[in-house]
Amino acid sequence: MPSIAGQVAIYLHWQLLLYRDKRRVDPQMAPIATALSESDMADLAAFFAAQRPAPPPSAPPASARSDAGRLSRRCAGSRRGRVAISMAR
């Protein structure tokens, strides 16, 4: 799940407006945004913009590292991987 902490306030406010006006669709966010006043949206946007995002985890779990290696080997053997290698030469 992406973090909204530290995002630009105007961006956050705009996203809430889009949810409220049904120009951005999400079944969880729409009813929340619909219940907010303009002032509430501005306050929430300012609050989250002032927060510091959590630092990323130091290392992915071992299972993710082994999957990444397998996937990168598979991608290197793909046509797109061969094209990228030939273009680098």
C-alpha atoms as a PDB file:
ATOM      1  CA  MET A   1       0.000   0.000   0.000  1.00  0.00           C
ATOM      2  CA  PRO A   2       1.507   3.339  -0.981  1.00  0.00           C
ATOM      3  CA  SER A   3       2.072   5.968   1.679  1.00  0.00           C
ATOM      4  CA  ILE A   4       0.465   9.393   1.368  1.00  0.00           C
ATOM      5  CA  ALA A   5       2.699  10.842   4.088  1.00  0.00           C
ATOM      6  CA  GLY A   6       4.814  13.654   2.693  1.00  0.00           C
ATOM      7  CA  GLN A   7       2.867  14.017  -0.561  1.00  0.00           C
ATOM      8  CA  VAL A   8       2.254  17.576  -1.758  1.00  0.00           C
ATOM      9  CA  ALA A   9      -0.867  19.021  -0.083  1.00  0.00           C
ATOM     10  CA  ILE A  10      -2.477  20.277  -3.293  1.00  0.00           C
ATOM     11  CA  TYR A  11      -2.099  16.810  -4.836  1.00  0.00           C
ATOM     12  CA  LEU A  12      -3.800  15.180  -1.838  1.00  0.00           C
ATOM     13  CA  HIS A  13      -6.584  17.763  -1.837  1.00  0.00           C
ATOM     14  CA  TRP A  14      -7.128  17.270  -5.568  1.00  0.00           C
ATOM     15  CA  GLN A  15      -7.358  13.490  -5.161  1.00  0.00           C
ATOM     16  CA  LEU A  16     -10.026  13.886  -2.467  1.00  0.00           C
ATOM     17  CA  LEU A  17     -11.980  16.173  -4.804  1.00  0.00           C
ATOM     18  CA  LEU A  18     -11.726  13.572  -7.577  1.00  0.00           C
ATOM     19  CA  TYR A  19     -13.063  10.853  -5.261  1.00  0.00           C
ATOM     20  CA  ARG A  20     -15.902  13.112  -4.098  1.00  0.00           C
ATOM     21  CA  ASP A  21     -16.876  14.023  -7.672  1.00  0.00           C
ATOM     22  CA  LYS A  22     -16.662  10.364  -8.803  1.00  0.00           C
ATOM     23  CA  ARG A  23     -13.929  11.171 -11.338  1.00  0.00           C
ATOM     24  CA  ARG A  24     -11.665   8.778  -9.435  1.00  0.00           C
ATOM     25  CA  VAL A  25     -13.404   5.584  -8.354  1.00  0.00           C
ATOM     26  CA  ASP A  26     -12.678   3.595  -5.227  1.00  0.00           C
ATOM     27  CA  PRO A  27     -15.402   1.925  -3.149  1.00  0.00           C
ATOM     28  CA  GLN A  28     -13.616   2.717   0.122  1.00  0.00           C
ATOM     29  CA  MET A  29     -12.601   6.325  -0.564  1.00  0.00           C
ATOM     30  CA  ALA A  30     -15.741   7.628  -2.293  1.00  0.00           C
ATOM     31  CA  PRO A  31     -18.044   7.589   0.769  1.00  0.00           C
ATOM     32  CA  ILE A  32     -15.320   9.128   2.934  1.00  0.00           C
ATOM     33  CA  ALA A  33     -14.568  11.923   0.465  1.00  0.00           C
ATOM     34  CA  THR A  34     -18.271  12.603  -0.078  1.00  0.00           C
ATOM     35  CA  ALA A  35     -18.715  13.276   3.645  1.00  0.00           C
ATOM     36  CA  LEU A  36     -15.830  15.795   3.808  1.00  0.00           C
ATOM     37  CA  SER A  37     -16.215  19.544   3.517  1.00  0.00           C
ATOM     38  CA  GLU A  38     -13.746  21.608   1.481  1.00  0.00           C
ATOM     39  CA  SER A  39     -12.180  22.723   4.755  1.00  0.00           C
ATOM     40  CA  ASP A  40     -11.881  19.111   5.967  1.00  0.00           C
ATOM     41  CA  MET A  41     -10.156  18.143   2.715  1.00  0.00           C
ATOM     42  CA  ALA A  42      -7.696  21.024   2.995  1.00  0.00           C
ATOM     43  CA  ASP A  43      -6.971  20.137   6.638  1.00  0.00           C
ATOM     44  CA  LEU A  44      -6.408  16.451   5.840  1.00  0.00           C
ATOM     45  CA  ALA A  45      -4.175  17.318   2.899  1.00  0.00           C
ATOM     46  CA  ALA A  46      -2.095  19.669   5.049  1.00  0.00           C
ATOM     47  CA  PHE A  47      -1.833  17.080   7.834  1.00  0.00           C
ATOM     48  CA  PHE A  48      -0.616  14.258   5.584  1.00  0.00           C
ATOM     49  CA  ALA A  49       1.715  16.579   3.655  1.00  0.00           C
ATOM     50  CA  ALA A  50       3.409  17.481   6.944  1.00  0.00           C
ATOM     51  CA  GLN A  51       4.044  13.822   7.863  1.00  0.00           C
ATOM     52  CA  ARG A  52       7.325  12.074   7.154  1.00  0.00           C
ATOM     53  CA  PRO A  53       7.049   8.886   5.129  1.00  0.00           C
ATOM     54  CA  ALA A  54       8.186   5.727   6.866  1.00  0.00           C
ATOM     55  CA  PRO A  55      11.624   4.569   5.714  1.00  0.00           C
ATOM     56  CA  PRO A  56      11.578   1.604   3.355  1.00  0.00           C
ATOM     57  CA  PRO A  57      12.401  -1.763   4.864  1.00  0.00           C
ATOM     58  CA  SER A  58      16.138  -2.419   4.973  1.00  0.00           C
ATOM     59  CA  ALA A  59      16.001  -5.629   2.982  1.00  0.00           C
ATOM     60  CA  PRO A  60      13.246  -7.622   1.309  1.00  0.00           C
ATOM     61  CA  PRO A  61      12.380 -10.992   2.822  1.00  0.00           C
ATOM     62  CA  ALA A  62      14.435 -13.956   1.603  1.00  0.00           C
ATOM     63  CA  SER A  63      11.500 -15.298  -0.418  1.00  0.00           C
ATOM     64  CA  ALA A  64      11.246 -12.038  -2.359  1.00  0.00           C
ATOM     65  CA  ARG A  65      14.992 -12.032  -3.082  1.00  0.00           C
ATOM     66  CA  SER A  66      14.868 -15.555  -4.504  1.00  0.00           C
ATOM     67  CA  ASP A  67      11.816 -14.668  -6.638  1.00  0.00           C
ATOM     68  CA  ALA A  68      13.541 -11.542  -7.938  1.00  0.00           C
ATOM     69  CA  GLY A  69      16.585 -13.505  -9.017  1.00  0.00           C
ATOM     70  CA  ARG A  70      14.465 -16.090 -10.802  1.00  0.00           C
ATOM     71  CA  LEU A  71      12.436 -13.369 -12.522  1.00  0.00           C
ATOM     72  CA  SER A  72      15.492 -11.388 -13.614  1.00  0.00           C
ATOM     73  CA  ARG A  73      17.023 -14.511 -15.148  1.00  0.00           C
ATOM     74  CA  ARG A  74      13.763 -15.202 -16.943  1.00  0.00           C
ATOM     75  CA  CYS A  75      13.567 -11.590 -18.195  1.00  0.00           C
ATOM     76  CA  ALA A  76      17.173 -11.666 -19.397  1.00  0.00           C
ATOM     77  CA  GLY A  77      16.275 -14.603 -21.620  1.00  0.00           C
ATOM     78  CA  SER A  78      13.204 -12.918 -23.052  1.00  0.00           C
ATOM     79  CA  ARG A  79      13.111 -11.153 -26.399  1.00  0.00           C
ATOM     80  CA  ARG A  80      12.970  -7.757 -24.692  1.00  0.00           C
ATOM     81  CA  GLY A  81      16.042  -8.656 -22.622  1.00  0.00           C
ATOM     82  CA  ARG A  82      17.929  -9.694 -25.765  1.00  0.00           C
ATOM     83  CA  VAL A  83      16.964  -6.445 -27.517  1.00  0.00           C
ATOM     84  CA  ALA A  84      18.181  -4.385 -24.568  1.00  0.00           C
ATOM     85  CA  ILE A  85      21.472  -6.305 -24.493  1.00  0.00           C
ATOM     86  CA  SER A  86      22.000  -5.925 -28.261  1.00  0.00           C
ATOM     87  CA  MET A  87      21.243  -2.200 -28.076  1.00  0.00           C
ATOM     88  CA  ALA A  88      23.834  -1.775 -25.312  1.00  0.00           C
ATOM     89  CA  ARG A  89      26.589  -3.224 -27.486  1.00  0.00           C
END
